[in-house]
C-alpha atoms as a PDB file:
ATOM      1  CA  MET A   1       0.580 -10.573  35.267  1.00  0.00           C
ATOM      2  CA  VAL A   2       2.711 -11.201  32.199  1.00  0.00           C
ATOM      3  CA  LYS A   3       1.379 -12.299  28.841  1.00  0.00           C
ATOM      4  CA  HIS A   4       3.861 -14.179  26.621  1.00  0.00           C
ATOM      5  CA  ILE A   5       2.841 -14.434  22.958  1.00  0.00           C
ATOM      6  CA  VAL A   6       4.958 -16.379  20.477  1.00  0.00           C
ATOM      7  CA  LEU A   7       4.442 -16.889  16.757  1.00  0.00           C
ATOM      8  CA  PHE A   8       6.217 -19.742  14.986  1.00  0.00           C
ATOM      9  CA  LYS A   9       7.045 -20.105  11.312  1.00  0.00           C
ATOM     10  CA  PHE A  10       7.919 -23.551   9.987  1.00  0.00           C
ATOM     11  CA  LYS A  11       9.853 -24.634   6.905  1.00  0.00           C
ATOM     12  CA  LYS A  12       7.681 -25.312   3.891  1.00  0.00           C
ATOM     13  CA  THR A  13      10.036 -27.911   2.444  1.00  0.00           C
ATOM     14  CA  GLY A  14       9.556 -31.641   2.644  1.00  0.00           C
ATOM     15  CA  ASP A  15       6.439 -33.631   3.298  1.00  0.00           C
ATOM     16  CA  ILE A  16       3.589 -31.324   4.383  1.00  0.00           C
ATOM     17  CA  ALA A  17       1.857 -34.163   6.263  1.00  0.00           C
ATOM     18  CA  SER A  18       5.030 -34.743   8.300  1.00  0.00           C
ATOM     19  CA  VAL A  19       5.303 -31.046   9.145  1.00  0.00           C
ATOM     20  CA  LYS A  20       1.652 -30.985  10.228  1.00  0.00           C
ATOM     21  CA  ALA A  21       2.225 -34.059  12.396  1.00  0.00           C
ATOM     22  CA  VAL A  22       5.182 -32.359  14.106  1.00  0.00           C
ATOM     23  CA  MET A  23       3.090 -29.227  14.622  1.00  0.00           C
ATOM     24  CA  GLN A  24       0.337 -31.280  16.276  1.00  0.00           C
ATOM     25  CA  GLU A  25       2.879 -33.093  18.463  1.00  0.00           C
ATOM     26  CA  PHE A  26       4.346 -29.726  19.512  1.00  0.00           C
ATOM     27  CA  LYS A  27       0.870 -28.324  20.244  1.00  0.00           C
ATOM     28  CA  SER A  28       0.040 -31.322  22.447  1.00  0.00           C
ATOM     29  CA  ALA A  29       3.360 -31.095  24.289  1.00  0.00           C
ATOM     30  CA  LEU A  30       2.872 -27.387  24.968  1.00  0.00           C
ATOM     31  CA  GLU A  31      -0.690 -27.877  26.198  1.00  0.00           C
ATOM     32  CA  ALA A  32       0.507 -30.624  28.554  1.00  0.00           C
ATOM     33  CA  LEU A  33       2.776 -28.082  30.287  1.00  0.00           C
ATOM     34  CA  LYS A  34      -0.240 -26.715  32.184  1.00  0.00           C
ATOM     35  CA  ASP A  35      -0.211 -29.836  34.354  1.00  0.00           C
ATOM     36  CA  LYS A  36       3.593 -29.883  34.716  1.00  0.00           C
ATOM     37  CA  ILE A  37       4.542 -26.272  35.473  1.00  0.00           C
ATOM     38  CA  PRO A  38       2.643 -24.903  38.479  1.00  0.00           C
ATOM     39  CA  PHE A  39       3.439 -21.229  37.800  1.00  0.00           C
ATOM     40  CA  LEU A  40       2.053 -21.415  34.245  1.00  0.00           C
ATOM     41  CA  ARG A  41      -1.325 -19.704  34.768  1.00  0.00           C
ATOM     42  CA  PHE A  42      -2.778 -20.008  31.255  1.00  0.00           C
ATOM     43  CA  ILE A  43      -1.825 -21.584  27.949  1.00  0.00           C
ATOM     44  CA  GLU A  44      -3.445 -21.590  24.540  1.00  0.00           C
ATOM     45  CA  VAL A  45      -1.904 -22.973  21.359  1.00  0.00           C
ATOM     46  CA  GLY A  46      -3.303 -22.473  17.890  1.00  0.00           C
ATOM     47  CA  ILE A  47      -2.361 -23.838  14.487  1.00  0.00           C
ATOM     48  CA  ASN A  48      -2.979 -21.308  11.733  1.00  0.00           C
ATOM     49  CA  GLU A  49      -5.657 -22.336   9.266  1.00  0.00           C
ATOM     50  CA  ASN A  50      -5.168 -19.363   6.920  1.00  0.00           C
ATOM     51  CA  PRO A  51      -2.526 -20.223   4.290  1.00  0.00           C
ATOM     52  CA  LYS A  52      -2.229 -16.555   3.292  1.00  0.00           C
ATOM     53  CA  GLU A  53      -0.560 -15.654   6.597  1.00  0.00           C
ATOM     54  CA  ASP A  54       3.161 -15.875   7.350  1.00  0.00           C
ATOM     55  CA  PHE A  55       3.138 -17.666  10.703  1.00  0.00           C
ATOM     56  CA  ASP A  56       2.004 -21.230  11.274  1.00  0.00           C
ATOM     57  CA  MET A  57       1.364 -21.471  15.009  1.00  0.00           C
ATOM     58  CA  CYS A  58       0.798 -19.226  17.994  1.00  0.00           C
ATOM     59  CA  LEU A  59       1.328 -19.689  21.704  1.00  0.00           C
ATOM     60  CA  VAL A  60      -0.269 -17.516  24.378  1.00  0.00           C
ATOM     61  CA  THR A  61       0.730 -18.011  28.003  1.00  0.00           C
ATOM     62  CA  GLU A  62       0.292 -16.060  31.222  1.00  0.00           C
ATOM     63  CA  PHE A  63       2.482 -15.838  34.313  1.00  0.00           C
ATOM     64  CA  ASP A  64       2.410 -13.894  37.560  1.00  0.00           C
ATOM     65  CA  SER A  65       5.805 -12.302  36.897  1.00  0.00           C
ATOM     66  CA  MET A  66       8.704 -11.955  34.462  1.00  0.00           C
ATOM     67  CA  GLU A  67      10.665 -14.190  36.847  1.00  0.00           C
ATOM     68  CA  ASP A  68       8.096 -16.958  36.365  1.00  0.00           C
ATOM     69  CA  LEU A  69       8.367 -16.488  32.600  1.00  0.00           C
ATOM     70  CA  ALA A  70      12.156 -16.787  32.833  1.00  0.00           C
ATOM     71  CA  ASN A  71      11.791 -19.976  34.877  1.00  0.00           C
ATOM     72  CA  TYR A  72       9.332 -21.349  32.312  1.00  0.00           C
ATOM     73  CA  ALA A  73      11.848 -20.741  29.527  1.00  0.00           C
ATOM     74  CA  VAL A  74      14.399 -23.053  31.157  1.00  0.00           C
ATOM     75  CA  HIS A  75      11.986 -25.561  32.691  1.00  0.00           C
ATOM     76  CA  PRO A  76      13.002 -29.076  31.520  1.00  0.00           C
ATOM     77  CA  ASP A  77       9.498 -29.932  30.251  1.00  0.00           C
ATOM     78  CA  HIS A  78       9.333 -26.720  28.219  1.00  0.00           C
ATOM     79  CA  VAL A  79      12.825 -27.277  26.816  1.00  0.00           C
ATOM     80  CA  ALA A  80      11.839 -30.826  25.837  1.00  0.00           C
ATOM     81  CA  ALA A  81       8.740 -29.520  24.046  1.00  0.00           C
ATOM     82  CA  THR A  82      10.779 -26.990  22.053  1.00  0.00           C
ATOM     83  CA  ARG A  83      13.076 -29.751  20.814  1.00  0.00           C
ATOM     84  CA  ILE A  84      10.121 -31.239  18.915  1.00  0.00           C
ATOM     85  CA  ILE A  85      10.269 -28.448  16.323  1.00  0.00           C
ATOM     86  CA  LYS A  86      14.051 -28.009  16.112  1.00  0.00           C
ATOM     87  CA  ASP A  87      14.236 -29.448  12.577  1.00  0.00           C
ATOM     88  CA  ILE A  88      11.265 -27.565  11.108  1.00  0.00           C
ATOM     89  CA  LYS A  89      11.403 -24.160  12.826  1.00  0.00           C
ATOM     90  CA  GLU A  90      12.224 -21.369  10.419  1.00  0.00           C
ATOM     91  CA  GLY A  91      11.391 -18.355  12.544  1.00  0.00           C
ATOM     92  CA  ARG A  92       9.931 -17.089  15.780  1.00  0.00           C
ATOM     93  CA  ALA A  93       8.490 -13.770  16.960  1.00  0.00           C
ATOM     94  CA  CYS A  94       7.686 -12.954  20.561  1.00  0.00           C
ATOM     95  CA  VAL A  95       6.039 -10.229  22.656  1.00  0.00           C
ATOM     96  CA  ASP A  96       5.982 -10.180  26.455  1.00  0.00           C
ATOM     97  CA  TYR A  97       3.944  -7.552  28.275  1.00  0.00           C
ATOM     98  CA  THR A  98       2.425  -6.897  31.654  1.00  0.00           C
ATOM     99  CA  PHE A  99      -1.294  -6.404  32.128  1.00  0.00           C
END
């Protein structure tokens, strides 16, 4: 099994309510992938509630293999979800490991 953990950092400029709305839309789109991508074994998405931390959102997913993870990365529904944050994403950190 492969665990894929991603942290997202969003721009702090502009209307905070708009950024939060985009974050919620992104969270919902990611969570909907469970019903669209059969090889996605687990997904959890969290919006950070601690303003003292650097990252704003986390994504935890699980796959049977690195090949499944690679297929997830290019899956049209996943790509569409990532487009939601294209204008507010400032940074991203990722760890993939087997367990």
